């Protein structure tokens, strides 16, 4: 019984940690998008186009990382649900 409770607690804190990671990655994506916008404006006044290319790559990387962390969070949530309420996890 105690090991089951400890396992559920561990799953829950893992889910909380992943949710926090989603928020961090959302902020990172927003920062990358802002940098891209800034670099595109700088390109209009003759700055190096390589900075725009780098910023675009950063946005793509940030979007991928966000998608991956959301998938991990959703997977953790499903695992937790299947442990806490096995019948409801099969109905989803």
C-alpha atoms as a PDB file:
ATOM      1  CA  UNK A   1       0.000   0.000   0.000  1.00  0.00           C
ATOM      2  CA  UNK A   2       2.747   2.454   0.936  1.00  0.00           C
ATOM      3  CA  UNK A   3       4.677   1.682  -2.244  1.00  0.00           C
ATOM      4  CA  UNK A   4       1.535   2.343  -4.298  1.00  0.00           C
ATOM      5  CA  UNK A   5       1.040   5.713  -2.623  1.00  0.00           C
ATOM      6  CA  UNK A   6       4.707   6.570  -3.125  1.00  0.00           C
ATOM      7  CA  UNK A   7       4.419   5.584  -6.781  1.00  0.00           C
ATOM      8  CA  UNK A   8       1.352   7.760  -7.323  1.00  0.00           C
ATOM      9  CA  UNK A   9       3.052  10.631  -5.529  1.00  0.00           C
ATOM     10  CA  UNK A  10       6.106  10.257  -7.762  1.00  0.00           C
ATOM     11  CA  UNK A  11       3.924  10.220 -10.882  1.00  0.00           C
ATOM     12  CA  UNK A  12       2.086  13.321  -9.684  1.00  0.00           C
ATOM     13  CA  UNK A  13       5.274  15.287  -9.013  1.00  0.00           C
ATOM     14  CA  UNK A  14       6.611  14.163 -12.363  1.00  0.00           C
ATOM     15  CA  UNK A  15       3.471  15.567 -13.978  1.00  0.00           C
ATOM     16  CA  UNK A  16       3.839  18.862 -12.109  1.00  0.00           C
ATOM     17  CA  UNK A  17       7.464  19.082 -13.214  1.00  0.00           C
ATOM     18  CA  UNK A  18       6.511  18.435 -16.834  1.00  0.00           C
ATOM     19  CA  UNK A  19       3.770  21.070 -16.671  1.00  0.00           C
ATOM     20  CA  UNK A  20       6.344  23.573 -15.416  1.00  0.00           C
ATOM     21  CA  UNK A  21       8.625  22.552 -18.281  1.00  0.00           C
ATOM     22  CA  UNK A  22       5.791  23.235 -20.737  1.00  0.00           C
ATOM     23  CA  UNK A  23       5.445  26.756 -19.337  1.00  0.00           C
ATOM     24  CA  UNK A  24       9.196  27.359 -19.580  1.00  0.00           C
ATOM     25  CA  UNK A  25       9.273  26.093 -23.153  1.00  0.00           C
ATOM     26  CA  UNK A  26       6.301  28.304 -24.072  1.00  0.00           C
ATOM     27  CA  UNK A  27       8.231  31.308 -22.785  1.00  0.00           C
ATOM     28  CA  UNK A  28      11.336  30.194 -24.704  1.00  0.00           C
ATOM     29  CA  UNK A  29       9.291  29.928 -27.901  1.00  0.00           C
ATOM     30  CA  UNK A  30       7.857  33.398 -27.342  1.00  0.00           C
ATOM     31  CA  UNK A  31      11.350  34.803 -26.808  1.00  0.00           C
ATOM     32  CA  UNK A  32      12.580  33.116 -30.003  1.00  0.00           C
ATOM     33  CA  UNK A  33       9.623  34.526 -31.940  1.00  0.00           C
ATOM     34  CA  UNK A  34      10.312  38.003 -30.559  1.00  0.00           C
ATOM     35  CA  UNK A  35      13.984  37.719 -31.547  1.00  0.00           C
ATOM     36  CA  UNK A  36      12.982  36.643 -35.048  1.00  0.00           C
ATOM     37  CA  UNK A  37      10.651  39.605 -35.361  1.00  0.00           C
ATOM     38  CA  UNK A  38      13.388  41.960 -34.172  1.00  0.00           C
ATOM     39  CA  UNK A  39      15.939  40.456 -36.558  1.00  0.00           C
ATOM     40  CA  UNK A  40      13.526  40.774 -39.482  1.00  0.00           C
ATOM     41  CA  UNK A  41      13.105  44.446 -38.651  1.00  0.00           C
ATOM     42  CA  UNK A  42      16.892  44.831 -38.522  1.00  0.00           C
ATOM     43  CA  UNK A  43      17.147  43.160 -41.924  1.00  0.00           C
ATOM     44  CA  UNK A  44      15.026  45.970 -43.350  1.00  0.00           C
ATOM     45  CA  UNK A  45      17.726  48.444 -42.349  1.00  0.00           C
ATOM     46  CA  UNK A  46      20.568  46.421 -43.831  1.00  0.00           C
ATOM     47  CA  UNK A  47      21.637  44.020 -41.080  1.00  0.00           C
ATOM     48  CA  UNK A  48      22.985  40.572 -41.850  1.00  0.00           C
ATOM     49  CA  UNK A  49      20.413  38.082 -43.160  1.00  0.00           C
ATOM     50  CA  UNK A  50      22.203  35.251 -41.334  1.00  0.00           C
ATOM     51  CA  UNK A  51      20.679  36.495 -38.068  1.00  0.00           C
ATOM     52  CA  UNK A  52      17.196  36.014 -39.514  1.00  0.00           C
ATOM     53  CA  UNK A  53      18.103  32.491 -40.596  1.00  0.00           C
ATOM     54  CA  UNK A  54      19.473  31.691 -37.130  1.00  0.00           C
ATOM     55  CA  UNK A  55      16.363  33.117 -35.506  1.00  0.00           C
ATOM     56  CA  UNK A  56      14.110  31.067 -37.781  1.00  0.00           C
ATOM     57  CA  UNK A  57      16.036  27.934 -36.816  1.00  0.00           C
ATOM     58  CA  UNK A  58      15.685  28.849 -33.137  1.00  0.00           C
ATOM     59  CA  UNK A  59      11.923  29.257 -33.524  1.00  0.00           C
ATOM     60  CA  UNK A  60      11.660  25.863 -35.247  1.00  0.00           C
ATOM     61  CA  UNK A  61      13.773  24.203 -32.562  1.00  0.00           C
ATOM     62  CA  UNK A  62      11.708  25.810 -29.809  1.00  0.00           C
ATOM     63  CA  UNK A  63       8.458  24.701 -31.436  1.00  0.00           C
ATOM     64  CA  UNK A  64       9.737  21.132 -31.674  1.00  0.00           C
ATOM     65  CA  UNK A  65      10.872  21.150 -28.042  1.00  0.00           C
ATOM     66  CA  UNK A  66       7.471  22.465 -26.966  1.00  0.00           C
ATOM     67  CA  UNK A  67       5.677  19.751 -28.932  1.00  0.00           C
ATOM     68  CA  UNK A  68       7.888  17.092 -27.367  1.00  0.00           C
ATOM     69  CA  UNK A  69       7.431  18.304 -23.793  1.00  0.00           C
ATOM     70  CA  UNK A  70       3.664  18.538 -24.262  1.00  0.00           C
ATOM     71  CA  UNK A  71       3.642  14.943 -25.516  1.00  0.00           C
ATOM     72  CA  UNK A  72       5.651  13.825 -22.479  1.00  0.00           C
ATOM     73  CA  UNK A  73       3.325  15.713 -20.150  1.00  0.00           C
ATOM     74  CA  UNK A  74       0.255  14.168 -21.758  1.00  0.00           C
ATOM     75  CA  UNK A  75       1.812  10.712 -21.526  1.00  0.00           C
ATOM     76  CA  UNK A  76       2.596  11.229 -17.831  1.00  0.00           C
ATOM     77  CA  UNK A  77      -0.962  12.417 -17.244  1.00  0.00           C
ATOM     78  CA  UNK A  78      -2.337   9.288 -18.916  1.00  0.00           C
ATOM     79  CA  UNK A  79      -0.071   7.042 -16.839  1.00  0.00           C
ATOM     80  CA  UNK A  80      -1.194   8.778 -13.650  1.00  0.00           C
ATOM     81  CA  UNK A  81      -4.847   8.438 -14.639  1.00  0.00           C
ATOM     82  CA  UNK A  82      -4.417   4.757 -15.411  1.00  0.00           C
ATOM     83  CA  UNK A  83      -2.960   4.177 -11.943  1.00  0.00           C
ATOM     84  CA  UNK A  84      -5.487   6.292 -10.031  1.00  0.00           C
ATOM     85  CA  UNK A  85      -8.624   5.352 -11.969  1.00  0.00           C
ATOM     86  CA  UNK A  86      -7.905   2.444 -14.348  1.00  0.00           C
ATOM     87  CA  UNK A  87     -11.456   2.296 -15.748  1.00  0.00           C
ATOM     88  CA  UNK A  88     -11.598   5.976 -16.694  1.00  0.00           C
ATOM     89  CA  UNK A  89      -8.230   5.765 -18.488  1.00  0.00           C
ATOM     90  CA  UNK A  90      -9.589   3.081 -20.826  1.00  0.00           C
ATOM     91  CA  UNK A  91     -12.705   5.125 -21.608  1.00  0.00           C
ATOM     92  CA  UNK A  92     -10.744   8.209 -22.822  1.00  0.00           C
END
